[in-house]
N, C-alpha and C. Protein backbone atom coordinates (compact mmCIF):
# COMPACT_ATOMS: atom_id res chain seq x y z
N MET A 1 0.85 -1.20 0.00
CA MET A 1 0.00 0.00 0.00
C MET A 1 0.88 1.25 0.00
N VAL A 2 0.53 2.21 -0.85
CA VAL A 2 1.31 3.43 -0.96
C VAL A 2 1.12 4.28 0.30
N HIS A 3 2.23 4.77 0.84
CA HIS A 3 2.18 5.57 2.05
C HIS A 3 1.61 6.95 1.75
N ASP A 4 0.62 7.38 2.53
CA ASP A 4 0.00 8.68 2.38
C ASP A 4 0.36 9.51 3.60
N PRO A 5 1.24 10.51 3.45
CA PRO A 5 1.67 11.31 4.60
C PRO A 5 0.53 12.06 5.28
N GLU A 6 -0.56 12.32 4.54
CA GLU A 6 -1.69 13.03 5.12
C GLU A 6 -2.62 12.10 5.91
N ASN A 7 -2.50 10.81 5.63
CA ASN A 7 -3.32 9.82 6.35
C ASN A 7 -2.51 8.54 6.53
N PRO A 8 -1.62 8.54 7.50
CA PRO A 8 -0.77 7.37 7.72
C PRO A 8 -1.53 6.13 8.19
N PHE A 9 -2.81 6.33 8.52
CA PHE A 9 -3.63 5.19 8.97
C PHE A 9 -4.69 4.82 7.94
N GLY A 10 -4.44 5.17 6.71
CA GLY A 10 -5.39 4.93 5.63
C GLY A 10 -5.78 3.48 5.46
N GLU A 11 -4.88 2.57 5.82
CA GLU A 11 -5.17 1.14 5.66
C GLU A 11 -6.33 0.67 6.55
N PHE A 12 -6.69 1.50 7.54
CA PHE A 12 -7.77 1.13 8.44
C PHE A 12 -9.09 1.82 8.11
N GLU A 13 -9.10 2.60 7.01
CA GLU A 13 -10.30 3.34 6.65
C GLU A 13 -11.50 2.42 6.41
N ASP A 14 -11.30 1.33 5.69
CA ASP A 14 -12.41 0.42 5.39
C ASP A 14 -12.98 -0.17 6.67
N VAL A 15 -12.08 -0.52 7.59
CA VAL A 15 -12.53 -1.06 8.87
C VAL A 15 -13.35 -0.02 9.63
N ALA A 16 -12.86 1.21 9.65
CA ALA A 16 -13.54 2.28 10.37
C ALA A 16 -14.91 2.57 9.78
N LYS A 17 -15.03 2.50 8.47
CA LYS A 17 -16.30 2.78 7.81
C LYS A 17 -17.35 1.72 8.14
N ASN A 18 -16.91 0.50 8.36
CA ASN A 18 -17.84 -0.62 8.58
C ASN A 18 -17.92 -1.07 10.03
N THR A 19 -17.39 -0.26 10.94
CA THR A 19 -17.40 -0.59 12.35
C THR A 19 -18.17 0.45 13.14
N GLU A 20 -19.06 -0.02 14.03
CA GLU A 20 -19.82 0.91 14.87
C GLU A 20 -18.95 1.40 16.02
N ALA A 21 -19.22 2.59 16.48
CA ALA A 21 -18.47 3.15 17.61
C ALA A 21 -18.79 2.34 18.88
N ALA A 22 -17.80 2.26 19.76
CA ALA A 22 -18.00 1.55 21.03
C ALA A 22 -19.06 2.27 21.85
N LYS A 23 -19.73 1.52 22.71
CA LYS A 23 -20.77 2.10 23.56
C LYS A 23 -20.17 3.08 24.55
N PRO A 24 -20.90 4.12 24.92
CA PRO A 24 -20.39 5.11 25.88
C PRO A 24 -19.93 4.45 27.18
N GLY A 25 -18.79 4.86 27.66
CA GLY A 25 -18.28 4.35 28.92
C GLY A 25 -17.66 2.98 28.85
N SER A 26 -17.55 2.42 27.64
CA SER A 26 -17.03 1.07 27.53
C SER A 26 -15.57 1.07 27.09
N SER A 27 -14.90 0.00 27.38
CA SER A 27 -13.56 -0.25 26.89
C SER A 27 -13.41 -1.76 26.85
N PRO A 28 -12.45 -2.31 26.10
CA PRO A 28 -12.35 -3.76 25.99
C PRO A 28 -12.30 -4.44 27.35
N GLY A 29 -13.21 -5.39 27.56
CA GLY A 29 -13.21 -6.15 28.81
C GLY A 29 -13.73 -5.38 30.01
N ARG A 30 -14.49 -4.30 29.77
CA ARG A 30 -14.95 -3.48 30.90
C ARG A 30 -16.44 -3.21 30.86
N LEU A 31 -17.07 -3.34 32.03
CA LEU A 31 -18.44 -2.94 32.25
C LEU A 31 -18.46 -1.98 33.44
N PRO A 32 -19.49 -1.16 33.57
CA PRO A 32 -19.54 -0.22 34.69
C PRO A 32 -19.48 -0.95 36.04
N VAL A 33 -18.88 -0.29 37.02
CA VAL A 33 -18.81 -0.84 38.37
C VAL A 33 -20.22 -1.00 38.91
N GLY A 34 -20.50 -2.12 39.57
CA GLY A 34 -21.82 -2.32 40.15
C GLY A 34 -22.12 -3.78 40.42
N ALA A 35 -23.38 -4.03 40.82
CA ALA A 35 -23.84 -5.39 41.10
C ALA A 35 -24.69 -5.86 39.93
N TYR A 36 -24.47 -7.08 39.52
CA TYR A 36 -25.16 -7.64 38.36
C TYR A 36 -25.77 -9.00 38.71
N LYS A 37 -26.80 -9.35 37.97
CA LYS A 37 -27.37 -10.68 38.04
C LYS A 37 -27.26 -11.27 36.64
N GLY A 38 -26.72 -12.48 36.57
CA GLY A 38 -26.47 -13.03 35.25
C GLY A 38 -26.53 -14.54 35.20
N VAL A 39 -26.21 -15.06 34.02
CA VAL A 39 -26.24 -16.50 33.79
C VAL A 39 -24.98 -16.92 33.06
N CYS A 40 -24.44 -18.05 33.43
CA CYS A 40 -23.29 -18.59 32.70
C CYS A 40 -23.78 -18.99 31.32
N THR A 41 -23.08 -18.56 30.29
CA THR A 41 -23.55 -18.77 28.94
C THR A 41 -22.48 -19.43 28.08
N THR A 42 -22.78 -19.59 26.80
CA THR A 42 -21.84 -20.19 25.86
C THR A 42 -21.40 -19.15 24.84
N VAL A 43 -20.21 -19.33 24.29
CA VAL A 43 -19.70 -18.42 23.26
C VAL A 43 -19.01 -19.24 22.17
N ASP A 44 -18.88 -18.61 21.02
CA ASP A 44 -18.17 -19.23 19.90
C ASP A 44 -16.73 -18.73 19.93
N LEU A 45 -15.88 -19.45 20.64
CA LEU A 45 -14.50 -18.98 20.85
C LEU A 45 -13.68 -18.95 19.56
N GLU A 46 -13.84 -19.98 18.75
CA GLU A 46 -12.98 -20.12 17.57
C GLU A 46 -13.61 -19.57 16.30
N GLY A 47 -14.86 -19.11 16.40
CA GLY A 47 -15.53 -18.61 15.21
C GLY A 47 -15.91 -19.72 14.24
N ASP A 48 -16.01 -20.94 14.77
CA ASP A 48 -16.34 -22.08 13.92
C ASP A 48 -17.76 -22.59 14.15
N GLY A 49 -18.54 -21.83 14.90
CA GLY A 49 -19.91 -22.22 15.15
C GLY A 49 -20.08 -23.18 16.31
N VAL A 50 -18.98 -23.57 16.93
CA VAL A 50 -19.05 -24.48 18.08
C VAL A 50 -19.12 -23.66 19.36
N LEU A 51 -20.21 -23.83 20.10
CA LEU A 51 -20.40 -23.08 21.34
C LEU A 51 -19.82 -23.83 22.53
N VAL A 52 -19.10 -23.12 23.38
CA VAL A 52 -18.51 -23.73 24.57
C VAL A 52 -18.85 -22.86 25.78
N ASP A 53 -18.95 -23.49 26.95
CA ASP A 53 -19.29 -22.73 28.16
C ASP A 53 -18.08 -22.49 29.05
N LYS A 54 -16.91 -22.87 28.58
CA LYS A 54 -15.68 -22.63 29.34
C LYS A 54 -14.48 -22.76 28.42
N GLU A 55 -13.38 -22.19 28.86
CA GLU A 55 -12.11 -22.33 28.14
C GLU A 55 -11.04 -22.68 29.17
N ILE A 56 -10.39 -23.80 28.97
CA ILE A 56 -9.30 -24.21 29.84
C ILE A 56 -7.99 -23.95 29.10
N PHE A 57 -7.09 -23.22 29.75
CA PHE A 57 -5.84 -22.87 29.05
C PHE A 57 -4.69 -22.76 30.04
N THR A 58 -3.50 -22.69 29.48
CA THR A 58 -2.28 -22.53 30.27
C THR A 58 -1.51 -21.34 29.70
N THR A 59 -1.09 -20.43 30.56
CA THR A 59 -0.37 -19.26 30.11
C THR A 59 1.06 -19.63 29.70
N GLY A 60 1.73 -18.67 29.10
CA GLY A 60 3.11 -18.91 28.69
C GLY A 60 4.03 -19.20 29.85
N SER A 61 3.65 -18.73 31.04
CA SER A 61 4.47 -18.96 32.23
C SER A 61 4.13 -20.27 32.93
N GLY A 62 3.12 -20.96 32.38
CA GLY A 62 2.77 -22.26 32.94
C GLY A 62 1.60 -22.27 33.91
N THR A 63 0.96 -21.11 34.16
CA THR A 63 -0.18 -21.05 35.07
C THR A 63 -1.43 -21.58 34.38
N LYS A 64 -2.11 -22.52 35.04
CA LYS A 64 -3.34 -23.08 34.48
C LYS A 64 -4.53 -22.24 34.89
N ALA A 65 -5.54 -22.23 34.03
CA ALA A 65 -6.71 -21.40 34.31
C ALA A 65 -7.93 -21.93 33.59
N ILE A 66 -9.09 -21.50 34.07
CA ILE A 66 -10.35 -21.81 33.39
C ILE A 66 -11.16 -20.53 33.30
N LYS A 67 -11.71 -20.27 32.14
CA LYS A 67 -12.50 -19.05 31.90
C LYS A 67 -13.96 -19.43 31.69
N ILE A 68 -14.86 -18.70 32.39
CA ILE A 68 -16.29 -18.88 32.18
C ILE A 68 -16.88 -17.56 31.68
N PHE A 69 -18.10 -17.63 31.17
CA PHE A 69 -18.70 -16.47 30.51
C PHE A 69 -20.03 -16.11 31.17
N LEU A 70 -20.07 -14.92 31.76
CA LEU A 70 -21.24 -14.46 32.51
C LEU A 70 -22.02 -13.44 31.69
N GLU A 71 -23.22 -13.81 31.30
CA GLU A 71 -24.08 -12.90 30.53
C GLU A 71 -24.98 -12.12 31.48
N VAL A 72 -24.98 -10.82 31.33
CA VAL A 72 -25.78 -9.95 32.21
C VAL A 72 -27.27 -10.06 31.86
N LEU A 73 -28.07 -10.37 32.88
CA LEU A 73 -29.53 -10.39 32.73
C LEU A 73 -30.16 -9.15 33.34
N GLU A 74 -29.61 -8.73 34.46
CA GLU A 74 -30.07 -7.53 35.15
C GLU A 74 -28.86 -6.76 35.67
N PRO A 75 -28.92 -5.44 35.66
CA PRO A 75 -30.00 -4.56 35.22
C PRO A 75 -29.96 -4.36 33.71
N GLU A 76 -30.93 -3.62 33.23
CA GLU A 76 -30.97 -3.28 31.80
C GLU A 76 -29.86 -2.29 31.46
N LYS A 77 -29.73 -1.27 32.35
CA LYS A 77 -28.73 -0.22 32.14
C LYS A 77 -28.05 0.14 33.45
N VAL A 78 -26.84 0.64 33.34
CA VAL A 78 -26.14 1.27 34.45
C VAL A 78 -25.79 2.66 33.96
N GLY A 79 -26.49 3.65 34.51
CA GLY A 79 -26.33 5.00 33.98
C GLY A 79 -26.86 5.05 32.55
N ASP A 80 -26.04 5.53 31.63
CA ASP A 80 -26.44 5.60 30.23
C ASP A 80 -25.96 4.41 29.43
N VAL A 81 -25.31 3.47 30.10
CA VAL A 81 -24.73 2.31 29.40
C VAL A 81 -25.66 1.11 29.47
N THR A 82 -26.04 0.60 28.32
CA THR A 82 -26.85 -0.62 28.26
C THR A 82 -25.94 -1.82 28.53
N VAL A 83 -26.28 -2.58 29.57
CA VAL A 83 -25.42 -3.71 29.95
C VAL A 83 -26.08 -5.06 29.77
N LYS A 84 -27.41 -5.09 29.69
CA LYS A 84 -28.08 -6.37 29.52
C LYS A 84 -27.63 -7.05 28.24
N GLY A 85 -27.27 -8.32 28.35
CA GLY A 85 -26.80 -9.06 27.18
C GLY A 85 -25.30 -9.04 27.01
N GLU A 86 -24.62 -8.13 27.74
CA GLU A 86 -23.17 -8.09 27.66
C GLU A 86 -22.58 -9.32 28.38
N ILE A 87 -21.41 -9.73 27.94
CA ILE A 87 -20.78 -10.91 28.53
C ILE A 87 -19.47 -10.52 29.21
N HIS A 88 -19.38 -10.90 30.48
CA HIS A 88 -18.13 -10.69 31.23
C HIS A 88 -17.40 -12.01 31.32
N GLU A 89 -16.13 -12.00 30.95
CA GLU A 89 -15.31 -13.21 31.03
C GLU A 89 -14.60 -13.25 32.38
N HIS A 90 -14.86 -14.31 33.13
CA HIS A 90 -14.21 -14.45 34.44
C HIS A 90 -13.22 -15.61 34.39
N VAL A 91 -12.01 -15.34 34.87
CA VAL A 91 -10.97 -16.37 34.87
C VAL A 91 -10.67 -16.82 36.29
N PHE A 92 -10.70 -18.13 36.49
CA PHE A 92 -10.23 -18.72 37.74
C PHE A 92 -8.77 -19.14 37.50
N TRP A 93 -7.84 -18.45 38.15
CA TRP A 93 -6.43 -18.83 38.05
C TRP A 93 -6.18 -19.98 39.03
N VAL A 94 -5.75 -21.10 38.51
CA VAL A 94 -5.61 -22.29 39.35
C VAL A 94 -4.18 -22.36 39.89
N THR A 95 -4.02 -21.83 41.09
CA THR A 95 -2.74 -21.86 41.79
C THR A 95 -3.01 -22.30 43.23
N ASP A 96 -1.96 -22.65 43.95
CA ASP A 96 -2.12 -23.07 45.35
C ASP A 96 -2.86 -22.01 46.16
N GLY A 97 -2.49 -20.74 45.93
CA GLY A 97 -3.09 -19.66 46.70
C GLY A 97 -4.54 -19.39 46.35
N MET A 98 -4.95 -19.76 45.12
CA MET A 98 -6.31 -19.45 44.69
C MET A 98 -7.29 -20.59 44.94
N VAL A 99 -6.80 -21.78 45.28
CA VAL A 99 -7.69 -22.92 45.49
C VAL A 99 -8.77 -22.65 46.54
N PRO A 100 -8.45 -22.02 47.69
CA PRO A 100 -9.51 -21.75 48.68
C PRO A 100 -10.66 -20.91 48.12
N TYR A 101 -10.33 -19.95 47.25
CA TYR A 101 -11.35 -19.09 46.67
C TYR A 101 -12.15 -19.83 45.60
N ILE A 102 -11.49 -20.72 44.88
CA ILE A 102 -12.17 -21.54 43.89
C ILE A 102 -13.19 -22.45 44.60
N LYS A 103 -12.76 -23.04 45.72
CA LYS A 103 -13.66 -23.92 46.48
C LYS A 103 -14.84 -23.14 47.06
N ARG A 104 -14.64 -21.87 47.31
CA ARG A 104 -15.72 -21.03 47.82
C ARG A 104 -16.69 -20.62 46.72
N ASP A 105 -16.15 -20.18 45.59
CA ASP A 105 -16.98 -19.56 44.55
C ASP A 105 -17.69 -20.55 43.63
N VAL A 106 -17.05 -21.66 43.31
CA VAL A 106 -17.65 -22.61 42.37
C VAL A 106 -19.01 -23.12 42.88
N PRO A 107 -19.14 -23.54 44.15
CA PRO A 107 -20.45 -23.99 44.63
C PRO A 107 -21.50 -22.88 44.60
N ILE A 108 -21.07 -21.63 44.84
CA ILE A 108 -22.01 -20.50 44.79
C ILE A 108 -22.57 -20.35 43.38
N ILE A 109 -21.71 -20.46 42.39
CA ILE A 109 -22.13 -20.27 41.00
C ILE A 109 -22.98 -21.43 40.51
N THR A 110 -22.53 -22.64 40.79
CA THR A 110 -23.20 -23.83 40.25
C THR A 110 -24.38 -24.31 41.09
N GLY A 111 -24.40 -23.91 42.36
CA GLY A 111 -25.46 -24.39 43.24
C GLY A 111 -25.27 -25.84 43.65
N LYS A 112 -24.05 -26.34 43.45
CA LYS A 112 -23.74 -27.73 43.80
C LYS A 112 -22.58 -27.76 44.79
N PRO A 113 -22.55 -28.74 45.69
CA PRO A 113 -21.46 -28.81 46.67
C PRO A 113 -20.12 -29.09 46.00
N TRP A 114 -19.06 -28.65 46.64
CA TRP A 114 -17.72 -28.89 46.13
C TRP A 114 -17.40 -30.38 46.15
N GLU A 115 -16.80 -30.86 45.05
CA GLU A 115 -16.41 -32.26 44.97
C GLU A 115 -14.90 -32.41 44.88
N SER A 116 -14.33 -31.90 43.78
CA SER A 116 -12.89 -32.01 43.58
C SER A 116 -12.48 -31.03 42.48
N MET A 117 -11.18 -30.92 42.23
CA MET A 117 -10.70 -30.03 41.18
C MET A 117 -11.19 -30.47 39.80
N ALA A 118 -11.49 -31.76 39.68
CA ALA A 118 -11.98 -32.27 38.40
C ALA A 118 -13.33 -31.64 38.03
N GLN A 119 -14.03 -31.16 39.06
CA GLN A 119 -15.32 -30.53 38.86
C GLN A 119 -15.23 -29.32 37.93
N LEU A 120 -14.11 -28.63 37.97
CA LEU A 120 -13.94 -27.44 37.13
C LEU A 120 -14.10 -27.78 35.65
N ALA A 121 -13.52 -28.89 35.23
CA ALA A 121 -13.55 -29.27 33.82
C ALA A 121 -14.84 -30.01 33.46
N LYS A 122 -15.35 -30.82 34.40
CA LYS A 122 -16.53 -31.64 34.12
C LYS A 122 -17.84 -30.85 34.24
N GLN A 123 -17.81 -29.79 35.04
CA GLN A 123 -19.01 -29.03 35.33
C GLN A 123 -19.65 -28.44 34.08
N LYS A 124 -20.98 -28.57 33.97
CA LYS A 124 -21.72 -27.87 32.93
C LYS A 124 -22.05 -26.50 33.50
N TRP A 125 -21.36 -25.49 33.02
CA TRP A 125 -21.51 -24.14 33.57
C TRP A 125 -22.74 -23.43 33.01
N ALA A 126 -23.00 -23.62 31.72
CA ALA A 126 -24.09 -22.90 31.07
C ALA A 126 -25.42 -23.14 31.77
N GLY A 127 -26.13 -22.05 32.06
CA GLY A 127 -27.43 -22.14 32.70
C GLY A 127 -27.39 -21.82 34.18
N SER A 128 -26.21 -21.84 34.79
CA SER A 128 -26.11 -21.50 36.20
C SER A 128 -26.28 -19.99 36.38
N THR A 129 -27.13 -19.58 37.30
CA THR A 129 -27.38 -18.16 37.52
C THR A 129 -26.70 -17.70 38.81
N VAL A 130 -26.25 -16.46 38.82
CA VAL A 130 -25.50 -15.97 39.97
C VAL A 130 -25.51 -14.44 39.99
N GLU A 131 -25.39 -13.88 41.17
CA GLU A 131 -25.18 -12.43 41.31
C GLU A 131 -23.68 -12.21 41.43
N PHE A 132 -23.19 -11.17 40.79
CA PHE A 132 -21.76 -10.89 40.90
C PHE A 132 -21.52 -9.38 40.87
N GLY A 133 -20.50 -8.97 41.60
CA GLY A 133 -20.12 -7.57 41.62
C GLY A 133 -18.93 -7.35 40.71
N LEU A 134 -18.86 -6.19 40.09
CA LEU A 134 -17.72 -5.85 39.25
C LEU A 134 -17.06 -4.57 39.76
N LYS A 135 -15.74 -4.57 39.75
CA LYS A 135 -14.98 -3.38 40.10
C LYS A 135 -13.96 -3.12 39.00
N ASP A 136 -13.41 -1.92 38.98
CA ASP A 136 -12.39 -1.57 37.99
C ASP A 136 -11.01 -2.03 38.46
N GLU A 137 -10.22 -2.49 37.51
CA GLU A 137 -8.85 -2.88 37.80
C GLU A 137 -7.95 -2.42 36.66
N LEU A 138 -6.86 -1.76 36.99
CA LEU A 138 -5.91 -1.31 35.99
C LEU A 138 -4.96 -2.44 35.67
N TYR A 139 -4.93 -2.86 34.41
CA TYR A 139 -4.10 -3.99 34.00
C TYR A 139 -3.34 -3.63 32.72
N MET A 140 -2.05 -3.58 32.81
CA MET A 140 -1.19 -3.27 31.65
C MET A 140 -1.62 -1.99 30.94
N GLY A 141 -1.98 -0.99 31.74
CA GLY A 141 -2.34 0.30 31.18
C GLY A 141 -3.79 0.44 30.76
N PHE A 142 -4.58 -0.64 30.89
CA PHE A 142 -5.98 -0.60 30.50
C PHE A 142 -6.87 -0.85 31.72
N MET A 143 -7.99 -0.14 31.76
CA MET A 143 -8.96 -0.35 32.82
C MET A 143 -9.88 -1.49 32.40
N ARG A 144 -10.00 -2.49 33.24
CA ARG A 144 -10.86 -3.62 32.93
C ARG A 144 -11.71 -3.98 34.13
N SER A 145 -12.74 -4.79 33.91
CA SER A 145 -13.63 -5.21 34.99
C SER A 145 -13.12 -6.48 35.63
N LYS A 146 -13.29 -6.55 36.95
CA LYS A 146 -12.91 -7.74 37.69
C LYS A 146 -14.00 -8.05 38.70
N VAL A 147 -14.32 -9.34 38.84
CA VAL A 147 -15.35 -9.75 39.79
C VAL A 147 -14.87 -9.48 41.20
N SER A 148 -15.73 -8.82 41.99
CA SER A 148 -15.40 -8.52 43.39
C SER A 148 -16.07 -9.49 44.35
N TYR A 149 -17.17 -10.13 43.90
CA TYR A 149 -17.83 -11.13 44.73
C TYR A 149 -18.82 -11.92 43.90
N PHE A 150 -19.18 -13.10 44.40
CA PHE A 150 -20.26 -13.91 43.86
C PHE A 150 -21.26 -14.15 44.99
N ALA A 151 -22.54 -14.19 44.64
CA ALA A 151 -23.59 -14.49 45.62
C ALA A 151 -24.66 -15.32 44.95
N PRO A 152 -25.30 -16.22 45.69
CA PRO A 152 -26.35 -17.05 45.10
C PRO A 152 -27.49 -16.18 44.57
N TRP A 153 -28.03 -16.56 43.42
CA TRP A 153 -29.18 -15.84 42.87
C TRP A 153 -29.95 -16.75 41.94
N THR A 154 -31.28 -16.73 42.12
CA THR A 154 -32.18 -17.48 41.26
C THR A 154 -33.20 -16.50 40.71
N PRO A 155 -33.43 -16.47 39.40
CA PRO A 155 -34.43 -15.55 38.83
C PRO A 155 -35.77 -15.70 39.54
N GLY A 156 -36.35 -14.56 39.90
CA GLY A 156 -37.65 -14.57 40.55
C GLY A 156 -37.59 -14.60 42.06
N GLN A 157 -36.38 -14.70 42.64
CA GLN A 157 -36.31 -14.81 44.09
C GLN A 157 -36.73 -13.52 44.80
N GLU A 158 -36.60 -12.38 44.11
CA GLU A 158 -37.06 -11.13 44.70
C GLU A 158 -38.57 -11.18 44.87
N ALA A 159 -39.27 -11.74 43.87
CA ALA A 159 -40.72 -11.85 43.95
C ALA A 159 -41.11 -12.80 45.08
N ASP A 160 -40.33 -13.87 45.25
CA ASP A 160 -40.60 -14.82 46.33
C ASP A 160 -40.44 -14.14 47.69
N LYS A 161 -39.40 -13.28 47.80
CA LYS A 161 -39.17 -12.57 49.05
C LYS A 161 -40.34 -11.64 49.35
N SER A 162 -40.86 -11.00 48.29
CA SER A 162 -41.98 -10.07 48.47
C SER A 162 -43.20 -10.82 48.98
N LYS A 163 -43.42 -12.02 48.41
CA LYS A 163 -44.56 -12.82 48.84
C LYS A 163 -44.38 -13.25 50.29
N ALA A 164 -43.14 -13.64 50.63
CA ALA A 164 -42.86 -14.08 52.00
C ALA A 164 -43.08 -12.94 52.98
N ALA A 165 -42.70 -11.72 52.57
CA ALA A 165 -42.87 -10.55 53.43
C ALA A 165 -44.35 -10.25 53.64
N ALA A 166 -45.16 -10.63 52.66
CA ALA A 166 -46.59 -10.35 52.75
C ALA A 166 -47.34 -11.41 53.55
N ASP A 167 -46.72 -12.55 53.78
CA ASP A 167 -47.37 -13.66 54.48
C ASP A 167 -47.89 -13.30 55.88
N PRO A 168 -47.10 -12.57 56.71
CA PRO A 168 -47.60 -12.21 58.05
C PRO A 168 -48.93 -11.47 57.99
N LYS A 169 -49.06 -10.59 57.02
CA LYS A 169 -50.30 -9.83 56.86
C LYS A 169 -51.44 -10.76 56.51
N LYS A 170 -51.12 -11.73 55.59
CA LYS A 170 -52.13 -12.70 55.19
C LYS A 170 -52.55 -13.52 56.41
N GLY A 171 -51.55 -13.81 57.26
CA GLY A 171 -51.84 -14.58 58.46
C GLY A 171 -52.82 -13.84 59.35
N THR A 172 -52.65 -12.52 59.47
CA THR A 172 -53.54 -11.69 60.28
C THR A 172 -54.95 -11.71 59.71
N ASP A 173 -55.05 -11.64 58.36
CA ASP A 173 -56.35 -11.68 57.71
C ASP A 173 -57.05 -13.00 58.00
N LYS A 174 -56.25 -14.09 57.94
CA LYS A 174 -56.83 -15.41 58.20
C LYS A 174 -57.32 -15.48 59.64
N SER A 175 -56.53 -14.87 60.56
CA SER A 175 -56.91 -14.86 61.97
C SER A 175 -58.23 -14.12 62.16
N LYS A 176 -58.36 -12.99 61.48
CA LYS A 176 -59.60 -12.21 61.57
C LYS A 176 -60.78 -13.00 61.04
N ALA A 177 -60.53 -13.71 59.93
CA ALA A 177 -61.59 -14.49 59.32
C ALA A 177 -62.02 -15.60 60.26
N GLY A 178 -61.02 -16.19 60.94
CA GLY A 178 -61.31 -17.27 61.88
C GLY A 178 -62.13 -16.76 63.05
N THR A 179 -61.77 -15.58 63.56
CA THR A 179 -62.50 -14.97 64.68
C THR A 179 -63.94 -14.67 64.29
N ALA A 180 -64.11 -14.16 63.08
CA ALA A 180 -65.45 -13.83 62.59
C ALA A 180 -66.30 -15.09 62.49
N ALA A 181 -65.67 -16.17 62.02
CA ALA A 181 -66.39 -17.43 61.88
C ALA A 181 -66.85 -17.94 63.24
N LYS A 182 -65.96 -17.84 64.25
CA LYS A 182 -66.29 -18.30 65.59
C LYS A 182 -67.43 -17.48 66.17
N THR A 183 -67.38 -16.16 65.94
CA THR A 183 -68.43 -15.26 66.45
C THR A 183 -69.77 -15.62 65.85
N GLU A 184 -69.76 -15.87 64.53
CA GLU A 184 -71.00 -16.24 63.83
C GLU A 184 -71.55 -17.54 64.37
N ALA A 185 -70.65 -18.49 64.65
CA ALA A 185 -71.09 -19.79 65.17
C ALA A 185 -71.74 -19.62 66.55
N LYS A 186 -71.14 -18.76 67.42
CA LYS A 186 -71.69 -18.53 68.75
C LYS A 186 -73.06 -17.87 68.66
N THR A 187 -73.22 -16.94 67.71
CA THR A 187 -74.49 -16.25 67.53
C THR A 187 -75.59 -17.22 67.15
N LYS A 188 -75.23 -18.14 66.20
CA LYS A 188 -76.20 -19.13 65.76
C LYS A 188 -76.58 -20.05 66.90
N SER A 189 -75.57 -20.41 67.73
CA SER A 189 -75.82 -21.30 68.86
C SER A 189 -76.74 -20.63 69.87
N ALA A 190 -76.50 -19.32 70.10
CA ALA A 190 -77.34 -18.57 71.06
C ALA A 190 -78.76 -18.48 70.56
N ALA A 191 -78.93 -18.28 69.28
CA ALA A 191 -80.27 -18.18 68.71
C ALA A 191 -81.01 -19.49 68.84
N ALA A 192 -80.29 -20.57 68.66
CA ALA A 192 -80.92 -21.89 68.72
C ALA A 192 -81.37 -22.23 70.13
N THR A 193 -80.68 -21.72 71.16
CA THR A 193 -81.02 -22.03 72.57
C THR A 193 -81.92 -21.00 73.18
N GLY A 194 -82.17 -19.90 72.47
CA GLY A 194 -83.06 -18.88 72.99
C GLY A 194 -82.43 -17.97 73.99
N SER A 195 -81.16 -17.96 74.09
CA SER A 195 -80.44 -17.11 75.01
C SER A 195 -80.35 -15.71 74.47
N LYS A 196 -79.76 -14.77 75.25
CA LYS A 196 -79.65 -13.37 74.85
C LYS A 196 -78.92 -13.27 73.52
N GLY A 197 -79.51 -12.48 72.66
CA GLY A 197 -78.92 -12.32 71.37
C GLY A 197 -79.77 -12.99 70.30
N SER A 198 -80.75 -13.77 70.71
CA SER A 198 -81.62 -14.42 69.73
C SER A 198 -82.64 -13.41 69.23
N VAL A 199 -83.24 -13.71 68.11
CA VAL A 199 -84.22 -12.81 67.51
C VAL A 199 -85.58 -13.50 67.54
N ASP A 200 -86.63 -12.80 68.07
CA ASP A 200 -87.99 -13.35 68.09
C ASP A 200 -88.74 -12.90 66.85
N PHE A 201 -89.39 -13.79 66.21
CA PHE A 201 -90.16 -13.46 65.01
C PHE A 201 -91.61 -13.43 65.36
């Protein structure tokens, strides 16, 4: 390609013309800081149409790791940034020091008790729902998102909590209904025996 001193980046013009601008407040691997509710999902890692719910790899330095993919279900937006449907990649670095945290977090995400390290590879991650917090982390000059915590979450549990909170009130209503029924029964009994409270026709 002929060098153009007025546009030294001319080779990227076609890409720029056919590429949409990044979403406001976004950067590669980053979502706004906050609490999210999501589901472990699948992605096409190799672009070959094969969907996978995890990636197991080893770094150049020999550190083993497993990556899972968390798709945001809630909230719809954080500020002006639409986050629903975005995918956060979370990596479990498998080292001696990280094993205690892996044993803590994996059961929270999967909803299953810890078994062994083999569980990481055998586990079907897709479909597991979880709440997770994200914070900013500066890595090699770039700001990226990092999970700050995991917490159990099942879709609809907020509605269940609301129903549970309403139960005491329902209990009071039932109690009132029971009292009314007893009063009515006593009135009928009094009328039948001719005692005070009966009505003469």
